[in-house]
Amino acid sequence: MSKPTFVIEKQFSNGIQTDLFMATPKINTLSETATKQLLEILQKRFEKHPERHQGITWADVAAQLKAKPQKLFVLEQMEETGGEPDVVILPENANAFVFFDCAAESPKGRRSLCFDREAWEARKEARPENTVMDMAADLGITLLTEEQYRHLQTLGSFDTKTSSWIQTPTEIRKLGGALFGDRRYNQVFTYHNGAQSYYAARGFRGMLEIE
């Protein structure tokens, strides 16, 4: 995608000179104060739940985060929408720190969303404000797969009162469906709904890699 072009007008005694320049994309970063506050929140959560990241030290995580301020901005958005992100060990991501949304219930700031833009456009009335896939992209995170969701559930009890949309295989989505997971009766279940549906008790969980 080409960069947007802006017009700058300079006033001279003999008239107006018009200059063109190419805009530089804005990189979202946090202020020094906000960075400090977020790191304190993340450290406290990291130290409270060692079972999620055995063998990893907070010092190593913090060093990586400070070197990548744009990732801190994403984590701030995860935090603000109720995700309570924390480091989770994934065997397939051995060379990266991975943050999952680890809130006990589905993130409060991401509920009442149908699955994707196609589903949103297919609704003739009562459309929700946003979609799961659009919001995940705006936040800069990736929706959890069913395997990742089940891995998270081995580290605690999540979604015992709510449910969370998860990545859906193409063949299911083409037929109009989408998947979600929850925990009931101390068992983890994966279900399906029409992708157009949305519920006040269903949000979504995502992940962010820090390489």
N, C-alpha and C. Protein backbone atom coordinates (compact mmCIF):
# COMPACT_ATOMS: atom_id res chain seq x y z
N MET A 1 0.84 -1.19 0.00
CA MET A 1 0.00 0.00 0.00
C MET A 1 0.88 1.24 0.00
N SER A 2 0.59 2.19 -0.87
CA SER A 2 1.41 3.40 -0.95
C SER A 2 1.13 4.31 0.21
N LYS A 3 2.14 5.09 0.59
CA LYS A 3 2.00 6.02 1.68
C LYS A 3 1.11 7.18 1.26
N PRO A 4 0.30 7.75 2.20
CA PRO A 4 -0.53 8.89 1.84
C PRO A 4 0.33 10.11 1.57
N THR A 5 -0.11 10.96 0.64
CA THR A 5 0.61 12.18 0.30
C THR A 5 -0.08 13.38 0.92
N PHE A 6 0.68 14.23 1.57
CA PHE A 6 0.14 15.43 2.18
C PHE A 6 0.65 16.64 1.45
N VAL A 7 -0.15 17.71 1.49
CA VAL A 7 0.23 18.96 0.85
C VAL A 7 0.54 19.99 1.93
N ILE A 8 1.72 20.60 1.82
CA ILE A 8 2.12 21.65 2.75
C ILE A 8 2.19 22.97 1.98
N GLU A 9 1.54 23.99 2.49
CA GLU A 9 1.57 25.30 1.85
C GLU A 9 2.50 26.23 2.61
N LYS A 10 3.41 26.86 1.90
CA LYS A 10 4.33 27.82 2.50
C LYS A 10 4.01 29.20 1.95
N GLN A 11 3.82 30.17 2.84
CA GLN A 11 3.46 31.52 2.42
C GLN A 11 4.73 32.32 2.13
N PHE A 12 4.83 32.84 0.93
CA PHE A 12 5.93 33.71 0.56
C PHE A 12 5.36 35.07 0.15
N SER A 13 6.23 36.09 0.07
CA SER A 13 5.78 37.43 -0.27
C SER A 13 5.17 37.50 -1.66
N ASN A 14 5.62 36.61 -2.55
CA ASN A 14 5.13 36.64 -3.93
C ASN A 14 4.05 35.60 -4.20
N GLY A 15 3.51 35.01 -3.13
CA GLY A 15 2.45 34.03 -3.32
C GLY A 15 2.63 32.81 -2.44
N ILE A 16 2.04 31.71 -2.88
CA ILE A 16 2.07 30.47 -2.09
C ILE A 16 2.83 29.40 -2.85
N GLN A 17 3.79 28.78 -2.16
CA GLN A 17 4.51 27.65 -2.74
C GLN A 17 3.94 26.38 -2.14
N THR A 18 3.64 25.40 -2.97
CA THR A 18 3.08 24.14 -2.51
C THR A 18 4.14 23.05 -2.58
N ASP A 19 4.40 22.39 -1.44
CA ASP A 19 5.37 21.30 -1.38
C ASP A 19 4.63 19.99 -1.14
N LEU A 20 5.12 18.91 -1.73
CA LEU A 20 4.58 17.58 -1.49
C LEU A 20 5.61 16.76 -0.75
N PHE A 21 5.15 15.94 0.20
CA PHE A 21 6.07 15.03 0.88
C PHE A 21 5.32 13.76 1.21
N MET A 22 6.08 12.69 1.41
CA MET A 22 5.48 11.39 1.73
C MET A 22 5.41 11.23 3.23
N ALA A 23 4.24 10.85 3.71
CA ALA A 23 4.05 10.69 5.14
C ALA A 23 4.80 9.49 5.67
N THR A 24 5.33 9.59 6.87
CA THR A 24 6.02 8.48 7.52
C THR A 24 5.04 7.77 8.44
N PRO A 25 4.86 6.45 8.31
CA PRO A 25 3.92 5.73 9.15
C PRO A 25 4.23 5.93 10.64
N LYS A 26 3.20 6.12 11.43
CA LYS A 26 3.36 6.32 12.86
C LYS A 26 3.55 4.98 13.56
N ILE A 27 4.54 4.91 14.42
CA ILE A 27 4.78 3.70 15.22
C ILE A 27 4.21 3.94 16.60
N ASN A 28 3.28 3.10 17.02
CA ASN A 28 2.64 3.26 18.32
C ASN A 28 3.57 2.82 19.44
N THR A 29 3.85 3.71 20.35
CA THR A 29 4.68 3.40 21.52
C THR A 29 4.05 4.05 22.74
N LEU A 30 4.47 3.60 23.92
CA LEU A 30 3.97 4.12 25.17
C LEU A 30 4.92 5.18 25.73
N SER A 31 4.39 6.05 26.55
CA SER A 31 5.23 7.02 27.24
C SER A 31 6.09 6.29 28.27
N GLU A 32 7.08 6.97 28.78
CA GLU A 32 7.96 6.36 29.79
C GLU A 32 7.17 5.95 31.02
N THR A 33 6.24 6.81 31.44
CA THR A 33 5.42 6.51 32.63
C THR A 33 4.52 5.31 32.38
N ALA A 34 3.86 5.28 31.23
CA ALA A 34 2.97 4.17 30.90
C ALA A 34 3.74 2.86 30.76
N THR A 35 4.94 2.94 30.20
CA THR A 35 5.79 1.75 30.07
C THR A 35 6.14 1.18 31.43
N LYS A 36 6.53 2.06 32.34
CA LYS A 36 6.88 1.63 33.70
C LYS A 36 5.69 0.98 34.39
N GLN A 37 4.52 1.59 34.26
CA GLN A 37 3.32 1.05 34.91
C GLN A 37 2.95 -0.32 34.35
N LEU A 38 3.03 -0.44 33.03
CA LEU A 38 2.67 -1.72 32.41
C LEU A 38 3.66 -2.81 32.80
N LEU A 39 4.93 -2.50 32.81
CA LEU A 39 5.93 -3.50 33.19
C LEU A 39 5.73 -3.96 34.63
N GLU A 40 5.32 -3.07 35.48
CA GLU A 40 5.06 -3.44 36.87
C GLU A 40 3.88 -4.40 36.97
N ILE A 41 2.83 -4.12 36.19
CA ILE A 41 1.66 -5.00 36.16
C ILE A 41 2.04 -6.39 35.63
N LEU A 42 2.78 -6.41 34.54
CA LEU A 42 3.17 -7.68 33.93
C LEU A 42 4.10 -8.47 34.84
N GLN A 43 5.02 -7.79 35.49
CA GLN A 43 5.94 -8.49 36.40
C GLN A 43 5.19 -9.11 37.58
N LYS A 44 4.26 -8.35 38.14
CA LYS A 44 3.49 -8.87 39.28
C LYS A 44 2.71 -10.12 38.88
N ARG A 45 2.11 -10.09 37.70
CA ARG A 45 1.34 -11.24 37.22
C ARG A 45 2.28 -12.42 36.91
N PHE A 46 3.41 -12.11 36.31
CA PHE A 46 4.40 -13.14 35.97
C PHE A 46 4.87 -13.87 37.23
N GLU A 47 5.14 -13.13 38.27
CA GLU A 47 5.64 -13.73 39.52
C GLU A 47 4.55 -14.46 40.29
N LYS A 48 3.30 -14.07 40.08
CA LYS A 48 2.18 -14.71 40.78
C LYS A 48 1.84 -16.07 40.17
N HIS A 49 2.19 -16.28 38.90
CA HIS A 49 1.81 -17.53 38.21
C HIS A 49 3.03 -18.21 37.57
N PRO A 50 3.96 -18.70 38.40
CA PRO A 50 5.16 -19.35 37.86
C PRO A 50 4.86 -20.62 37.07
N GLU A 51 3.71 -21.24 37.33
CA GLU A 51 3.36 -22.48 36.63
C GLU A 51 3.18 -22.27 35.13
N ARG A 52 2.98 -21.04 34.71
CA ARG A 52 2.76 -20.76 33.29
C ARG A 52 4.06 -20.66 32.50
N HIS A 53 5.18 -20.45 33.19
CA HIS A 53 6.42 -20.16 32.47
C HIS A 53 7.65 -20.63 33.26
N GLN A 54 7.64 -21.87 33.70
CA GLN A 54 8.76 -22.41 34.46
C GLN A 54 10.04 -22.37 33.64
N GLY A 55 11.12 -21.93 34.26
CA GLY A 55 12.41 -21.85 33.60
C GLY A 55 12.69 -20.52 32.92
N ILE A 56 11.72 -19.62 32.93
CA ILE A 56 11.90 -18.29 32.33
C ILE A 56 12.01 -17.26 33.43
N THR A 57 12.91 -16.32 33.30
CA THR A 57 13.08 -15.27 34.30
C THR A 57 12.44 -13.98 33.80
N TRP A 58 11.92 -13.21 34.74
CA TRP A 58 11.32 -11.93 34.37
C TRP A 58 12.36 -10.98 33.78
N ALA A 59 13.58 -11.03 34.27
CA ALA A 59 14.63 -10.14 33.76
C ALA A 59 14.81 -10.33 32.26
N ASP A 60 14.78 -11.57 31.79
CA ASP A 60 14.93 -11.84 30.36
C ASP A 60 13.73 -11.33 29.57
N VAL A 61 12.54 -11.52 30.11
CA VAL A 61 11.33 -11.05 29.43
C VAL A 61 11.34 -9.52 29.34
N ALA A 62 11.65 -8.87 30.47
CA ALA A 62 11.65 -7.41 30.50
C ALA A 62 12.67 -6.82 29.53
N ALA A 63 13.81 -7.46 29.41
CA ALA A 63 14.83 -6.97 28.49
C ALA A 63 14.33 -7.01 27.05
N GLN A 64 13.65 -8.09 26.69
CA GLN A 64 13.09 -8.21 25.34
C GLN A 64 12.01 -7.16 25.10
N LEU A 65 11.18 -6.95 26.09
CA LEU A 65 10.09 -5.98 25.95
C LEU A 65 10.63 -4.55 25.80
N LYS A 66 11.63 -4.20 26.58
CA LYS A 66 12.19 -2.85 26.50
C LYS A 66 12.87 -2.61 25.16
N ALA A 67 13.33 -3.68 24.53
CA ALA A 67 13.98 -3.55 23.22
C ALA A 67 12.96 -3.46 22.09
N LYS A 68 11.69 -3.76 22.40
CA LYS A 68 10.64 -3.74 21.37
C LYS A 68 9.43 -2.96 21.88
N PRO A 69 9.54 -1.64 21.93
CA PRO A 69 8.45 -0.81 22.49
C PRO A 69 7.13 -0.98 21.77
N GLN A 70 7.15 -1.33 20.49
CA GLN A 70 5.89 -1.52 19.77
C GLN A 70 5.13 -2.73 20.31
N LYS A 71 5.84 -3.73 20.82
CA LYS A 71 5.19 -4.89 21.42
C LYS A 71 4.55 -4.51 22.76
N LEU A 72 5.20 -3.61 23.48
CA LEU A 72 4.63 -3.13 24.73
C LEU A 72 3.31 -2.42 24.48
N PHE A 73 3.23 -1.70 23.38
CA PHE A 73 1.99 -1.02 23.03
C PHE A 73 0.87 -2.04 22.82
N VAL A 74 1.17 -3.13 22.13
CA VAL A 74 0.17 -4.18 21.91
C VAL A 74 -0.26 -4.79 23.24
N LEU A 75 0.70 -5.07 24.11
CA LEU A 75 0.37 -5.63 25.43
C LEU A 75 -0.50 -4.68 26.23
N GLU A 76 -0.28 -3.39 26.08
CA GLU A 76 -1.12 -2.40 26.76
C GLU A 76 -2.57 -2.50 26.27
N GLN A 77 -2.74 -2.70 24.96
CA GLN A 77 -4.09 -2.84 24.41
C GLN A 77 -4.73 -4.14 24.90
N MET A 78 -3.95 -5.19 25.00
CA MET A 78 -4.46 -6.45 25.54
C MET A 78 -4.92 -6.25 26.98
N GLU A 79 -4.12 -5.52 27.74
CA GLU A 79 -4.44 -5.25 29.14
C GLU A 79 -5.70 -4.40 29.26
N GLU A 80 -5.80 -3.36 28.47
CA GLU A 80 -6.93 -2.43 28.55
C GLU A 80 -8.25 -3.10 28.17
N THR A 81 -8.21 -4.09 27.31
CA THR A 81 -9.43 -4.78 26.91
C THR A 81 -9.74 -5.99 27.78
N GLY A 82 -8.99 -6.15 28.88
CA GLY A 82 -9.31 -7.17 29.87
C GLY A 82 -8.64 -8.51 29.69
N GLY A 83 -7.60 -8.57 28.85
CA GLY A 83 -6.96 -9.85 28.57
C GLY A 83 -6.05 -10.39 29.65
N GLU A 84 -5.48 -9.50 30.47
CA GLU A 84 -4.51 -9.89 31.50
C GLU A 84 -3.41 -10.78 30.90
N PRO A 85 -2.64 -10.26 29.96
CA PRO A 85 -1.61 -11.08 29.28
C PRO A 85 -0.50 -11.54 30.21
N ASP A 86 -0.03 -12.76 29.96
CA ASP A 86 1.08 -13.32 30.73
C ASP A 86 1.86 -14.26 29.82
N VAL A 87 3.10 -14.52 30.19
CA VAL A 87 3.97 -15.39 29.40
C VAL A 87 3.56 -16.85 29.59
N VAL A 88 3.45 -17.56 28.47
CA VAL A 88 3.09 -18.98 28.48
C VAL A 88 4.11 -19.72 27.61
N ILE A 89 4.59 -20.83 28.10
CA ILE A 89 5.56 -21.62 27.33
C ILE A 89 4.84 -22.46 26.29
N LEU A 90 5.28 -22.31 25.04
CA LEU A 90 4.79 -23.16 23.95
C LEU A 90 5.99 -23.88 23.34
N PRO A 91 5.98 -25.21 23.32
CA PRO A 91 7.12 -25.97 22.78
C PRO A 91 7.49 -25.57 21.36
N GLU A 92 6.46 -25.23 20.55
CA GLU A 92 6.73 -24.88 19.15
C GLU A 92 7.28 -23.46 18.99
N ASN A 93 7.31 -22.69 20.08
CA ASN A 93 7.85 -21.33 20.04
C ASN A 93 9.01 -21.20 21.02
N ALA A 94 9.95 -22.11 20.92
CA ALA A 94 11.03 -22.18 21.89
C ALA A 94 11.94 -20.96 21.85
N ASN A 95 12.00 -20.27 20.72
CA ASN A 95 12.91 -19.13 20.59
C ASN A 95 12.23 -17.79 20.80
N ALA A 96 11.01 -17.80 21.32
CA ALA A 96 10.29 -16.55 21.53
C ALA A 96 9.51 -16.61 22.83
N PHE A 97 9.34 -15.43 23.45
CA PHE A 97 8.44 -15.32 24.58
C PHE A 97 7.04 -15.12 24.01
N VAL A 98 6.08 -15.87 24.53
CA VAL A 98 4.72 -15.81 24.02
C VAL A 98 3.78 -15.36 25.14
N PHE A 99 3.01 -14.33 24.86
CA PHE A 99 1.99 -13.86 25.80
C PHE A 99 0.62 -14.34 25.35
N PHE A 100 -0.13 -14.93 26.28
CA PHE A 100 -1.53 -15.30 26.06
C PHE A 100 -2.41 -14.39 26.90
N ASP A 101 -3.65 -14.20 26.47
CA ASP A 101 -4.65 -13.59 27.35
C ASP A 101 -4.98 -14.60 28.43
N CYS A 102 -4.67 -14.26 29.68
CA CYS A 102 -4.84 -15.22 30.77
C CYS A 102 -5.89 -14.80 31.79
N ALA A 103 -6.79 -13.89 31.42
CA ALA A 103 -7.88 -13.53 32.31
C ALA A 103 -8.71 -14.77 32.63
N ALA A 104 -9.22 -14.86 33.85
CA ALA A 104 -9.99 -16.04 34.24
C ALA A 104 -11.20 -16.25 33.33
N GLU A 105 -11.87 -15.16 32.97
CA GLU A 105 -13.01 -15.23 32.05
C GLU A 105 -12.66 -14.50 30.77
N SER A 106 -13.42 -14.74 29.73
CA SER A 106 -13.15 -14.14 28.43
C SER A 106 -13.05 -12.62 28.56
N PRO A 107 -12.05 -11.99 27.96
CA PRO A 107 -11.81 -10.55 28.15
C PRO A 107 -13.06 -9.69 27.99
N LYS A 108 -13.34 -8.89 29.01
CA LYS A 108 -14.59 -8.11 29.05
C LYS A 108 -14.68 -7.08 27.93
N GLY A 109 -13.55 -6.55 27.51
CA GLY A 109 -13.57 -5.52 26.49
C GLY A 109 -13.65 -6.04 25.07
N ARG A 110 -13.88 -7.35 24.92
CA ARG A 110 -13.89 -7.95 23.58
C ARG A 110 -15.09 -8.87 23.37
N ARG A 111 -16.18 -8.58 24.03
CA ARG A 111 -17.35 -9.45 23.93
C ARG A 111 -18.40 -8.88 22.98
N SER A 112 -19.45 -9.66 22.76
CA SER A 112 -20.54 -9.27 21.86
C SER A 112 -20.02 -8.96 20.46
N LEU A 113 -19.23 -9.88 19.92
CA LEU A 113 -18.65 -9.73 18.59
C LEU A 113 -18.98 -10.95 17.74
N CYS A 114 -19.46 -10.75 16.51
CA CYS A 114 -19.57 -11.89 15.60
C CYS A 114 -18.16 -12.21 15.08
N PHE A 115 -18.03 -13.29 14.35
CA PHE A 115 -16.69 -13.83 14.10
C PHE A 115 -15.83 -12.99 13.17
N ASP A 116 -16.34 -12.61 12.00
CA ASP A 116 -15.51 -11.88 11.05
C ASP A 116 -16.36 -10.91 10.23
N ARG A 117 -15.72 -10.16 9.35
CA ARG A 117 -16.41 -9.13 8.57
C ARG A 117 -17.47 -9.73 7.65
N GLU A 118 -17.17 -10.89 7.08
CA GLU A 118 -18.15 -11.55 6.21
C GLU A 118 -19.43 -11.86 6.98
N ALA A 119 -19.27 -12.36 8.21
CA ALA A 119 -20.44 -12.67 9.04
C ALA A 119 -21.18 -11.39 9.42
N TRP A 120 -20.43 -10.35 9.73
CA TRP A 120 -21.03 -9.05 10.11
C TRP A 120 -21.87 -8.50 8.95
N GLU A 121 -21.33 -8.56 7.75
CA GLU A 121 -22.04 -8.02 6.59
C GLU A 121 -23.26 -8.86 6.23
N ALA A 122 -23.22 -10.14 6.59
CA ALA A 122 -24.34 -11.03 6.27
C ALA A 122 -25.55 -10.78 7.18
N ARG A 123 -25.32 -10.16 8.32
CA ARG A 123 -26.45 -9.85 9.21
C ARG A 123 -27.27 -8.71 8.61
N LYS A 124 -28.57 -8.87 8.60
CA LYS A 124 -29.44 -7.84 8.05
C LYS A 124 -29.84 -6.80 9.09
N GLU A 125 -29.74 -7.15 10.36
CA GLU A 125 -30.10 -6.22 11.44
C GLU A 125 -29.34 -6.59 12.70
N ALA A 126 -29.39 -5.69 13.68
CA ALA A 126 -28.74 -5.89 14.98
C ALA A 126 -27.28 -6.30 14.84
N ARG A 127 -26.56 -5.57 14.01
CA ARG A 127 -25.14 -5.86 13.86
C ARG A 127 -24.36 -5.41 15.09
N PRO A 128 -23.39 -6.20 15.54
CA PRO A 128 -22.55 -5.77 16.67
C PRO A 128 -21.61 -4.66 16.22
N GLU A 129 -20.94 -4.03 17.16
CA GLU A 129 -20.06 -2.92 16.85
C GLU A 129 -18.81 -3.34 16.10
N ASN A 130 -18.39 -4.59 16.29
CA ASN A 130 -17.13 -5.02 15.69
C ASN A 130 -17.15 -6.53 15.49
N THR A 131 -16.05 -7.06 14.96
CA THR A 131 -15.91 -8.50 14.78
C THR A 131 -14.64 -8.99 15.47
N VAL A 132 -14.60 -10.27 15.74
CA VAL A 132 -13.44 -10.87 16.40
C VAL A 132 -12.17 -10.67 15.57
N MET A 133 -12.24 -11.02 14.30
CA MET A 133 -11.04 -10.97 13.47
C MET A 133 -10.56 -9.54 13.24
N ASP A 134 -11.50 -8.61 13.08
CA ASP A 134 -11.11 -7.21 12.90
C ASP A 134 -10.46 -6.65 14.16
N MET A 135 -11.05 -6.95 15.31
CA MET A 135 -10.52 -6.41 16.55
C MET A 135 -9.16 -7.02 16.87
N ALA A 136 -9.00 -8.31 16.61
CA ALA A 136 -7.70 -8.95 16.85
C ALA A 136 -6.63 -8.29 15.99
N ALA A 137 -6.97 -8.00 14.73
CA ALA A 137 -6.01 -7.34 13.83
C ALA A 137 -5.69 -5.94 14.32
N ASP A 138 -6.70 -5.21 14.79
CA ASP A 138 -6.48 -3.86 15.30
C ASP A 138 -5.59 -3.88 16.55
N LEU A 139 -5.78 -4.88 17.38
CA LEU A 139 -4.96 -5.00 18.59
C LEU A 139 -3.53 -5.44 18.27
N GLY A 140 -3.36 -6.16 17.16
CA GLY A 140 -2.05 -6.67 16.80
C GLY A 140 -1.76 -8.03 17.38
N ILE A 141 -2.82 -8.81 17.65
CA ILE A 141 -2.65 -10.14 18.23
C ILE A 141 -3.25 -11.19 17.31
N THR A 142 -2.92 -12.46 17.58
CA THR A 142 -3.42 -13.59 16.79
C THR A 142 -4.39 -14.41 17.64
N LEU A 143 -5.54 -14.73 17.08
CA LEU A 143 -6.53 -15.54 17.79
C LEU A 143 -5.94 -16.90 18.14
N LEU A 144 -6.24 -17.40 19.34
CA LEU A 144 -5.75 -18.71 19.75
C LEU A 144 -6.35 -19.81 18.88
N THR A 145 -5.53 -20.81 18.57
CA THR A 145 -6.03 -22.01 17.92
C THR A 145 -6.68 -22.90 18.97
N GLU A 146 -7.38 -23.93 18.54
CA GLU A 146 -7.97 -24.87 19.50
C GLU A 146 -6.87 -25.53 20.33
N GLU A 147 -5.77 -25.90 19.71
CA GLU A 147 -4.66 -26.53 20.44
C GLU A 147 -4.10 -25.58 21.49
N GLN A 148 -3.90 -24.32 21.12
CA GLN A 148 -3.37 -23.34 22.07
C GLN A 148 -4.36 -23.08 23.20
N TYR A 149 -5.63 -23.03 22.86
CA TYR A 149 -6.66 -22.82 23.88
C TYR A 149 -6.66 -23.97 24.89
N ARG A 150 -6.56 -25.18 24.40
CA ARG A 150 -6.53 -26.34 25.31
C ARG A 150 -5.24 -26.35 26.14
N HIS A 151 -4.14 -25.87 25.55
CA HIS A 151 -2.90 -25.78 26.32
C HIS A 151 -3.06 -24.78 27.46
N LEU A 152 -3.67 -23.64 27.17
CA LEU A 152 -3.93 -22.66 28.22
C LEU A 152 -4.73 -23.28 29.36
N GLN A 153 -5.69 -24.11 29.02
CA GLN A 153 -6.55 -24.72 30.04
C GLN A 153 -5.81 -25.73 30.91
N THR A 154 -4.63 -26.17 30.49
CA THR A 154 -3.83 -27.06 31.35
C THR A 154 -3.13 -26.27 32.44
N LEU A 155 -3.11 -24.94 32.30
CA LEU A 155 -2.40 -24.08 33.25
C LEU A 155 -3.32 -23.45 34.28
N GLY A 156 -4.60 -23.76 34.21
CA GLY A 156 -5.56 -23.20 35.14
C GLY A 156 -6.97 -23.46 34.65
N SER A 157 -7.94 -22.85 35.31
CA SER A 157 -9.34 -22.98 34.90
C SER A 157 -9.79 -21.66 34.30
N PHE A 158 -10.08 -21.68 33.01
CA PHE A 158 -10.47 -20.47 32.29
C PHE A 158 -11.83 -20.66 31.63
N ASP A 159 -12.56 -19.55 31.52
CA ASP A 159 -13.88 -19.57 30.88
C ASP A 159 -14.83 -20.55 31.54
N THR A 160 -14.92 -20.50 32.85
CA THR A 160 -15.87 -21.37 33.56
C THR A 160 -17.28 -20.78 33.54
N LYS A 161 -17.39 -19.49 33.26
CA LYS A 161 -18.70 -18.83 33.18
C LYS A 161 -18.92 -18.19 31.81
N THR A 162 -17.87 -18.06 31.05
CA THR A 162 -17.94 -17.42 29.74
C THR A 162 -17.44 -18.40 28.68
N SER A 163 -17.24 -17.91 27.47
CA SER A 163 -16.65 -18.71 26.40
C SER A 163 -15.83 -17.80 25.51
N SER A 164 -14.96 -18.38 24.70
CA SER A 164 -14.07 -17.58 23.85
C SER A 164 -14.02 -18.14 22.44
N TRP A 165 -14.22 -17.26 21.45
CA TRP A 165 -14.03 -17.66 20.06
C TRP A 165 -12.57 -18.08 19.84
N ILE A 166 -12.35 -19.06 18.98
CA ILE A 166 -11.01 -19.50 18.63
C ILE A 166 -10.88 -19.61 17.11
N GLN A 167 -9.66 -19.80 16.63
CA GLN A 167 -9.47 -19.93 15.19
C GLN A 167 -10.31 -21.10 14.65
N THR A 168 -10.82 -20.88 13.46
CA THR A 168 -11.75 -21.84 12.86
C THR A 168 -11.20 -22.35 11.53
N PRO A 169 -11.19 -23.68 11.32
CA PRO A 169 -10.74 -24.23 10.05
C PRO A 169 -11.54 -23.66 8.87
N THR A 170 -10.86 -23.47 7.75
CA THR A 170 -11.49 -22.87 6.58
C THR A 170 -12.73 -23.63 6.13
N GLU A 171 -12.66 -24.97 6.17
CA GLU A 171 -13.79 -25.75 5.69
C GLU A 171 -15.04 -25.54 6.54
N ILE A 172 -14.86 -25.28 7.84
CA ILE A 172 -16.00 -24.99 8.72
C ILE A 172 -16.53 -23.59 8.46
N ARG A 173 -15.58 -22.65 8.33
CA ARG A 173 -16.01 -21.26 8.11
C ARG A 173 -16.74 -21.10 6.78
N LYS A 174 -16.32 -21.82 5.75
CA LYS A 174 -16.98 -21.72 4.45
C LYS A 174 -18.44 -22.16 4.50
N LEU A 175 -18.75 -23.02 5.48
CA LEU A 175 -20.12 -23.51 5.64
C LEU A 175 -20.92 -22.64 6.60
N GLY A 176 -20.31 -21.54 7.05
CA GLY A 176 -21.04 -20.59 7.88
C GLY A 176 -20.81 -20.70 9.37
N GLY A 177 -19.94 -21.62 9.80
CA GLY A 177 -19.72 -21.83 11.22
C GLY A 177 -18.45 -21.20 11.75
N ALA A 178 -18.33 -21.17 13.06
CA ALA A 178 -17.12 -20.72 13.74
C ALA A 178 -17.04 -21.44 15.09
N LEU A 179 -15.83 -21.61 15.59
CA LEU A 179 -15.62 -22.39 16.82
C LEU A 179 -15.38 -21.50 18.03
N PHE A 180 -15.76 -22.04 19.18
CA PHE A 180 -15.45 -21.39 20.46
C PHE A 180 -15.22 -22.47 21.50
N GLY A 181 -14.57 -22.08 22.58
CA GLY A 181 -14.29 -23.03 23.64
C GLY A 181 -14.70 -22.50 25.00
N ASP A 182 -14.89 -23.41 25.94
CA ASP A 182 -15.14 -23.02 27.33
C ASP A 182 -14.78 -24.18 28.24
N ARG A 183 -14.97 -23.98 29.54
CA ARG A 183 -14.70 -25.04 30.52
C ARG A 183 -15.94 -25.21 31.40
N ARG A 184 -16.49 -26.40 31.38
CA ARG A 184 -17.65 -26.73 32.20
C ARG A 184 -17.45 -28.11 32.82
N TYR A 185 -17.92 -28.28 34.03
CA TYR A 185 -17.82 -29.57 34.72
C TYR A 185 -16.37 -30.06 34.76
N ASN A 186 -15.45 -29.09 34.86
CA ASN A 186 -14.01 -29.36 34.91
C ASN A 186 -13.50 -30.07 33.65
N GLN A 187 -14.18 -29.85 32.53
CA GLN A 187 -13.76 -30.37 31.24
C GLN A 187 -13.73 -29.22 30.23
N VAL A 188 -12.80 -29.30 29.28
CA VAL A 188 -12.69 -28.28 28.25
C VAL A 188 -13.45 -28.74 27.01
N PHE A 189 -14.34 -27.89 26.52
CA PHE A 189 -15.17 -28.24 25.38
C PHE A 189 -14.93 -27.28 24.22
N THR A 190 -15.05 -27.79 23.02
CA THR A 190 -15.05 -26.97 21.81
C THR A 190 -16.41 -27.16 21.13
N TYR A 191 -17.03 -26.02 20.80
CA TYR A 191 -18.35 -26.06 20.18
C TYR A 191 -18.33 -25.27 18.88
N HIS A 192 -19.51 -25.18 18.28
CA HIS A 192 -19.65 -24.37 17.07
C HIS A 192 -20.90 -23.50 17.17
N ASN A 193 -20.88 -22.38 16.48
CA ASN A 193 -22.04 -21.51 16.33
C ASN A 193 -22.00 -20.93 14.92
N GLY A 194 -23.11 -20.35 14.50
CA GLY A 194 -23.06 -19.60 13.27
C GLY A 194 -22.12 -18.41 13.46
N ALA A 195 -21.30 -18.13 12.48
CA ALA A 195 -20.32 -17.05 12.61
C ALA A 195 -20.98 -15.69 12.80
N GLN A 196 -22.25 -15.56 12.43
CA GLN A 196 -22.96 -14.30 12.58
C GLN A 196 -23.41 -14.04 14.01
N SER A 197 -23.40 -15.07 14.85
CA SER A 197 -23.92 -14.93 16.21
C SER A 197 -22.95 -14.18 17.12
N TYR A 198 -23.50 -13.57 18.15
CA TYR A 198 -22.66 -12.92 19.16
C TYR A 198 -23.37 -12.93 20.50
N TYR A 199 -22.57 -12.95 21.58
CA TYR A 199 -23.12 -13.11 22.92
C TYR A 199 -22.38 -12.23 23.92
N ALA A 200 -23.12 -11.77 24.92
CA ALA A 200 -22.55 -10.88 25.94
C ALA A 200 -21.51 -11.60 26.80
N ALA A 201 -21.55 -12.92 26.82
CA ALA A 201 -20.61 -13.69 27.65
C ALA A 201 -19.54 -14.37 26.81
N ARG A 202 -19.37 -13.94 25.56
CA ARG A 202 -18.33 -14.55 24.73
C ARG A 202 -17.44 -13.49 24.10
N GLY A 203 -16.13 -13.61 24.39
CA GLY A 203 -15.15 -12.74 23.76
C GLY A 203 -14.17 -13.58 22.96
N PHE A 204 -12.91 -13.20 23.00
CA PHE A 204 -11.89 -14.02 22.34
C PHE A 204 -10.55 -13.81 23.04
N ARG A 205 -9.70 -14.82 22.90
CA ARG A 205 -8.36 -14.78 23.49
C ARG A 205 -7.33 -14.80 22.37
N GLY A 206 -6.25 -14.04 22.56
CA GLY A 206 -5.22 -13.98 21.55
C GLY A 206 -3.84 -14.20 22.13
N MET A 207 -2.85 -14.15 21.25
CA MET A 207 -1.47 -14.34 21.66
C MET A 207 -0.58 -13.32 20.95
N LEU A 208 0.58 -13.06 21.56
CA LEU A 208 1.56 -12.15 20.99
C LEU A 208 2.94 -12.75 21.21
N GLU A 209 3.71 -12.87 20.15
CA GLU A 209 5.08 -13.39 20.24
C GLU A 209 6.06 -12.23 20.37
N ILE A 210 7.04 -12.40 21.26
CA ILE A 210 8.11 -11.43 21.43
C ILE A 210 9.41 -12.13 21.05
N GLU A 211 9.88 -11.88 19.83
CA GLU A 211 11.07 -12.60 19.35
C GLU A 211 12.32 -11.75 19.54
